[in-house]
N, C-alpha and C. Protein backbone atom coordinates (compact mmCIF):
# COMPACT_ATOMS: atom_id res chain seq x y z
N LYS A 1 95.65 65.98 119.77
CA LYS A 1 95.20 67.23 119.42
C LYS A 1 95.89 68.36 120.52
N ASP A 2 96.30 67.90 121.62
CA ASP A 2 96.87 68.85 122.55
C ASP A 2 98.35 69.00 122.51
N LYS A 3 98.93 68.44 121.53
CA LYS A 3 100.50 68.29 121.53
C LYS A 3 101.04 69.66 121.26
N LEU A 4 100.53 70.56 120.30
CA LEU A 4 101.10 71.81 120.16
C LEU A 4 101.00 72.84 121.35
N LEU A 5 99.75 72.69 121.98
CA LEU A 5 99.70 73.45 123.30
C LEU A 5 100.72 73.02 124.25
N TYR A 6 100.83 71.82 124.49
CA TYR A 6 101.82 71.14 125.36
C TYR A 6 103.25 71.62 124.86
N ALA A 7 103.50 71.47 123.80
CA ALA A 7 104.96 71.93 123.20
C ALA A 7 105.15 73.39 123.51
N LEU A 8 104.01 74.38 123.40
CA LEU A 8 104.24 75.71 123.45
C LEU A 8 104.38 76.10 125.09
N MET A 9 103.71 75.30 125.95
CA MET A 9 103.83 75.45 127.32
C MET A 9 105.33 75.04 127.81
N LEU A 10 105.69 73.88 127.19
CA LEU A 10 107.03 73.45 127.69
C LEU A 10 108.10 74.39 127.41
N THR A 11 107.91 74.91 125.96
CA THR A 11 109.05 75.90 125.65
C THR A 11 108.93 77.27 126.39
N TYR A 12 107.79 77.59 126.68
CA TYR A 12 107.78 78.91 127.71
C TYR A 12 108.28 78.65 128.88
N LYS A 13 108.06 77.38 129.42
CA LYS A 13 108.53 76.84 130.79
C LYS A 13 110.31 76.89 130.76
N CYS A 14 110.65 76.40 129.68
CA CYS A 14 112.11 76.31 129.58
C CYS A 14 112.71 77.64 129.38
N GLN A 15 112.15 78.60 128.73
CA GLN A 15 112.64 79.84 128.48
C GLN A 15 112.49 80.61 129.79
N GLU A 16 111.38 80.42 130.80
CA GLU A 16 111.38 81.06 131.86
C GLU A 16 112.36 80.64 132.87
N VAL A 17 112.65 79.40 132.88
CA VAL A 17 113.81 78.90 133.75
C VAL A 17 115.14 79.39 133.52
N GLU A 18 115.31 79.66 131.97
CA GLU A 18 116.71 80.19 131.59
C GLU A 18 116.56 81.80 131.64
N LYS A 19 115.59 82.31 132.25
CA LYS A 19 115.46 83.84 132.33
C LYS A 19 115.58 84.45 131.00
N GLU A 20 114.91 83.81 129.96
CA GLU A 20 115.00 84.19 128.51
C GLU A 20 113.39 84.80 128.20
N LEU A 21 112.47 84.55 128.99
CA LEU A 21 111.19 84.79 128.60
C LEU A 21 110.63 86.37 129.32
N LYS A 22 109.99 87.01 128.44
CA LYS A 22 109.29 88.23 128.92
C LYS A 22 108.00 88.01 129.05
N LEU A 23 107.41 88.03 130.23
CA LEU A 23 105.92 87.67 130.35
C LEU A 23 105.28 88.56 129.56
N THR A 24 105.44 89.97 129.53
CA THR A 24 104.67 90.89 128.95
C THR A 24 104.61 90.51 127.41
N GLU A 25 105.50 89.98 126.66
CA GLU A 25 105.47 89.72 125.31
C GLU A 25 104.71 88.40 125.20
N VAL A 26 104.76 87.51 126.12
CA VAL A 26 104.13 86.06 125.91
C VAL A 26 102.53 86.45 126.09
N MET A 27 102.20 87.31 127.15
CA MET A 27 100.74 87.82 127.34
C MET A 27 100.21 88.55 125.98
N ALA A 28 100.97 89.31 125.57
CA ALA A 28 100.62 90.21 124.32
C ALA A 28 100.25 89.06 123.27
N LEU A 29 101.11 88.23 122.96
CA LEU A 29 101.03 87.26 121.99
C LEU A 29 99.66 86.53 122.21
N LEU A 30 99.37 85.96 123.43
CA LEU A 30 98.28 85.20 123.82
C LEU A 30 96.95 85.97 123.76
N THR A 31 97.02 87.20 124.03
CA THR A 31 95.80 88.07 124.24
C THR A 31 95.53 88.74 123.01
N GLY A 32 96.50 88.95 122.06
CA GLY A 32 96.34 89.48 120.61
C GLY A 32 96.60 90.83 120.42
N LEU A 33 97.53 91.42 121.44
CA LEU A 33 97.89 92.89 121.26
C LEU A 33 96.67 93.83 121.43
N PRO A 34 95.85 93.69 122.55
CA PRO A 34 94.65 94.76 122.48
C PRO A 34 95.27 96.21 122.75
N GLY A 35 94.46 97.13 122.26
CA GLY A 35 94.73 98.52 122.30
C GLY A 35 94.42 99.31 121.16
N LEU A 36 94.54 100.58 121.42
CA LEU A 36 94.40 101.36 120.11
C LEU A 36 95.60 102.07 119.69
N ALA A 37 95.55 102.65 118.52
CA ALA A 37 96.68 103.49 118.08
C ALA A 37 96.63 104.85 118.58
N LYS A 38 97.84 105.44 118.96
CA LYS A 38 98.02 106.69 119.32
C LYS A 38 98.40 107.74 118.32
N GLU A 39 98.67 107.28 117.07
CA GLU A 39 98.95 108.08 115.83
C GLU A 39 98.00 107.73 114.76
N GLU A 40 97.89 108.59 113.74
CA GLU A 40 97.10 108.30 112.70
C GLU A 40 97.89 107.44 111.69
N LYS A 41 97.23 106.63 110.96
CA LYS A 41 97.87 105.77 110.10
C LYS A 41 98.49 106.62 109.05
N PRO A 42 99.60 106.17 108.68
CA PRO A 42 100.41 107.16 107.69
C PRO A 42 99.86 107.01 106.23
N ALA A 43 100.11 108.19 105.59
CA ALA A 43 99.70 108.06 104.05
C ALA A 43 100.55 107.02 103.43
N GLY A 44 99.93 106.50 102.47
CA GLY A 44 100.53 105.51 101.56
C GLY A 44 100.62 104.07 102.17
N SER A 45 99.72 104.02 103.31
CA SER A 45 99.71 102.45 104.06
C SER A 45 98.30 101.96 103.68
N GLY A 46 97.76 101.95 102.44
CA GLY A 46 96.49 101.59 102.09
C GLY A 46 96.54 99.90 102.35
N TRP A 47 97.60 99.45 102.25
CA TRP A 47 97.77 97.82 102.33
C TRP A 47 97.58 97.30 103.81
N LEU A 48 97.66 98.40 104.68
CA LEU A 48 97.80 98.03 106.11
C LEU A 48 96.38 98.32 106.74
N THR A 49 95.94 97.30 107.41
CA THR A 49 94.44 97.49 107.82
C THR A 49 94.61 98.33 109.24
N MET A 50 93.45 98.81 109.55
CA MET A 50 93.39 99.49 110.79
C MET A 50 93.85 98.61 112.05
N VAL A 51 93.40 97.42 112.07
CA VAL A 51 93.81 96.54 113.18
C VAL A 51 95.20 96.29 113.34
N SER A 52 95.92 96.17 112.07
CA SER A 52 97.27 95.98 112.16
C SER A 52 98.06 97.28 112.58
N TRP A 53 97.41 98.59 112.14
CA TRP A 53 98.04 99.73 112.67
C TRP A 53 97.85 99.89 113.99
N HIS A 54 96.88 99.47 114.62
CA HIS A 54 96.62 99.55 115.98
C HIS A 54 97.64 98.64 116.72
N ARG A 55 97.72 97.46 116.28
CA ARG A 55 98.91 96.50 116.71
C ARG A 55 100.26 96.91 116.65
N VAL A 56 100.63 97.44 115.65
CA VAL A 56 101.89 97.97 115.52
C VAL A 56 102.11 99.08 116.48
N ASN A 57 101.15 100.03 116.67
CA ASN A 57 101.25 100.96 117.78
C ASN A 57 101.56 100.43 119.30
N VAL A 58 100.62 99.33 119.54
CA VAL A 58 100.67 98.76 120.70
C VAL A 58 102.16 97.87 120.99
N LEU A 59 102.59 97.59 119.93
CA LEU A 59 104.06 97.10 120.02
C LEU A 59 105.07 98.08 120.49
N MET A 60 104.91 99.23 120.30
CA MET A 60 105.69 100.30 120.72
C MET A 60 105.59 100.68 122.09
N THR A 61 104.65 100.11 122.87
CA THR A 61 104.49 100.12 124.27
C THR A 61 105.17 99.26 125.15
N MET A 62 105.72 98.33 124.29
CA MET A 62 106.24 96.96 125.03
C MET A 62 107.66 97.36 125.35
N GLY A 63 108.28 98.36 124.66
CA GLY A 63 109.81 98.61 124.94
C GLY A 63 110.61 97.75 124.15
N ASP A 64 111.79 97.79 124.83
CA ASP A 64 112.94 96.80 124.33
C ASP A 64 113.13 97.10 122.72
N VAL A 65 113.18 96.08 121.83
CA VAL A 65 113.27 96.51 120.53
C VAL A 65 112.39 97.30 119.83
N PHE A 66 111.24 97.35 120.38
CA PHE A 66 110.10 98.10 119.84
C PHE A 66 110.13 99.73 120.22
N ASP A 67 110.96 100.01 121.09
CA ASP A 67 111.06 101.60 121.32
C ASP A 67 111.19 102.36 120.10
N GLY A 68 110.22 103.21 119.84
CA GLY A 68 110.28 104.06 118.69
C GLY A 68 109.96 103.42 117.27
N PHE A 69 109.30 102.26 117.38
CA PHE A 69 109.10 101.38 116.32
C PHE A 69 108.19 101.93 115.39
N VAL A 70 107.15 102.73 115.79
CA VAL A 70 106.21 103.35 114.83
C VAL A 70 106.94 104.24 113.69
N GLY A 71 107.88 105.03 114.35
CA GLY A 71 108.48 105.92 113.57
C GLY A 71 109.46 105.28 112.61
N GLU A 72 110.16 104.09 113.01
CA GLU A 72 111.02 103.47 112.18
C GLU A 72 109.94 102.65 111.14
N PHE A 73 108.80 102.22 111.46
CA PHE A 73 107.89 101.42 110.57
C PHE A 73 107.32 102.64 109.55
N THR A 74 107.07 103.67 109.96
CA THR A 74 106.39 104.64 109.04
C THR A 74 107.63 105.06 108.06
N ALA A 75 108.96 105.27 108.44
CA ALA A 75 109.78 105.60 107.76
C ALA A 75 110.17 104.64 106.47
N ASN A 76 109.74 103.28 106.61
CA ASN A 76 110.22 102.43 105.84
C ASN A 76 108.85 101.43 105.46
N LEU A 77 107.88 101.97 105.06
CA LEU A 77 106.56 101.39 104.75
C LEU A 77 106.68 100.44 103.48
N ALA A 78 107.39 100.81 102.41
CA ALA A 78 107.62 100.09 101.46
C ALA A 78 108.28 98.67 101.83
N GLY A 79 109.49 98.75 102.74
CA GLY A 79 110.02 97.55 103.04
C GLY A 79 109.23 96.75 103.84
N TRP A 80 108.20 97.11 104.82
CA TRP A 80 107.34 96.47 105.48
C TRP A 80 106.16 95.87 104.75
N GLN A 81 105.88 96.82 103.55
CA GLN A 81 104.75 95.99 102.81
C GLN A 81 105.41 95.05 102.04
N ALA A 82 106.65 94.68 101.79
CA ALA A 82 107.14 93.66 101.09
C ALA A 82 107.16 92.41 102.04
N VAL A 83 107.25 92.64 103.33
CA VAL A 83 107.16 91.64 104.32
C VAL A 83 105.79 91.20 104.43
N PHE A 84 104.87 92.17 104.29
CA PHE A 84 103.44 91.91 104.47
C PHE A 84 103.09 91.03 103.19
N ASP A 85 103.47 91.37 102.03
CA ASP A 85 103.04 90.76 100.98
C ASP A 85 103.69 89.45 100.64
N SER A 86 104.64 89.17 101.47
CA SER A 86 105.50 87.98 101.05
C SER A 86 104.89 86.66 101.19
N ASP A 87 105.15 85.68 100.40
CA ASP A 87 104.62 84.36 100.67
C ASP A 87 105.20 83.75 102.06
N ASP A 88 106.28 83.94 102.35
CA ASP A 88 107.00 83.55 103.54
C ASP A 88 107.73 84.65 104.24
N PRO A 89 106.84 85.29 105.16
CA PRO A 89 107.38 86.57 105.79
C PRO A 89 108.44 86.26 106.92
N VAL A 90 108.54 85.14 107.36
CA VAL A 90 109.56 84.79 108.23
C VAL A 90 110.88 84.74 107.57
N GLU A 91 110.86 84.22 106.37
CA GLU A 91 112.12 84.11 105.57
C GLU A 91 112.50 85.62 104.90
N ALA A 92 111.49 86.25 104.79
CA ALA A 92 111.73 87.60 103.89
C ALA A 92 112.78 88.44 104.65
N GLU A 93 113.37 89.44 103.79
CA GLU A 93 114.30 90.33 104.44
C GLU A 93 113.43 91.62 105.17
N TRP A 94 113.77 91.77 106.46
CA TRP A 94 112.94 92.98 107.11
C TRP A 94 113.75 94.07 106.76
N PRO A 95 113.07 95.42 106.75
CA PRO A 95 113.91 96.51 106.90
C PRO A 95 114.81 96.67 107.94
N ASN A 96 115.94 97.31 107.70
CA ASN A 96 116.91 97.57 108.69
C ASN A 96 117.34 96.29 109.56
N ASN A 97 117.31 95.16 108.94
CA ASN A 97 117.75 93.86 109.43
C ASN A 97 117.02 93.81 110.89
N PHE A 98 115.66 94.28 111.11
CA PHE A 98 115.07 94.24 112.19
C PHE A 98 114.90 92.99 112.85
N LYS A 99 114.72 91.91 111.89
CA LYS A 99 114.36 90.51 112.42
C LYS A 99 115.70 90.23 113.32
N LEU A 100 116.97 90.52 112.86
CA LEU A 100 118.20 90.17 113.71
C LEU A 100 118.19 90.86 115.19
N LYS A 101 117.30 91.79 115.30
CA LYS A 101 117.32 92.44 116.68
C LYS A 101 116.28 91.70 117.59
N CYS A 102 115.38 90.96 117.02
CA CYS A 102 114.16 90.41 117.59
C CYS A 102 114.60 88.98 118.18
N SER A 103 113.78 88.78 119.43
CA SER A 103 113.78 87.39 119.82
C SER A 103 112.84 86.54 118.94
N PRO A 104 112.63 85.27 119.06
CA PRO A 104 111.50 84.47 118.35
C PRO A 104 110.15 84.99 118.79
N VAL A 105 110.04 85.26 120.01
CA VAL A 105 108.55 85.79 120.50
C VAL A 105 108.40 87.19 119.83
N GLN A 106 109.37 88.02 119.77
CA GLN A 106 109.19 89.30 119.34
C GLN A 106 108.87 89.42 117.66
N GLN A 107 109.58 88.39 117.09
CA GLN A 107 109.27 88.13 115.70
C GLN A 107 107.73 87.92 115.42
N ALA A 108 107.36 86.80 116.36
CA ALA A 108 106.13 86.30 116.32
C ALA A 108 105.05 87.45 116.55
N LEU A 109 105.24 88.32 117.32
CA LEU A 109 104.47 89.56 117.78
C LEU A 109 104.42 90.44 116.58
N LEU A 110 105.54 90.56 115.86
CA LEU A 110 105.67 91.61 114.79
C LEU A 110 104.75 91.03 113.60
N LEU A 111 104.99 89.69 113.24
CA LEU A 111 104.18 89.15 112.21
C LEU A 111 102.64 89.09 112.52
N PHE A 112 102.32 88.77 113.87
CA PHE A 112 100.98 88.71 114.35
C PHE A 112 100.40 90.15 113.92
N ALA A 113 101.07 91.27 114.33
CA ALA A 113 100.59 92.67 114.05
C ALA A 113 100.49 92.95 112.73
N LEU A 114 101.47 92.62 111.91
CA LEU A 114 101.27 92.84 110.30
C LEU A 114 100.31 92.03 109.53
N ARG A 115 100.19 90.85 110.01
CA ARG A 115 99.43 90.01 109.11
C ARG A 115 98.25 89.21 110.03
N PRO A 116 97.05 90.01 110.57
CA PRO A 116 96.28 89.24 111.33
C PRO A 116 95.55 88.22 110.74
């Protein structure tokens, strides 16, 4: 029953040794992106829950690929809705090829934010 947790811990340790791990991203993933939105939910985003909107805003505070993400997200709501509605969002095409810019942990954070 603990194999998944062990595998996750081992993976994080390997990434830490290789200097590929950003502790803020791991902590955000483990704690569930706590925080509140600084901006109002955009018009035409009825598919997006308030919890998801708060999490998308919190992602922007993490910097790196998420710098200015709220603006990019708001500018392409239809594309992100397609990811949200997808049966397999990991394999879906993300707007502006955003998936290619992200590390696996960043991809997990974004999917966690979109699909709680």
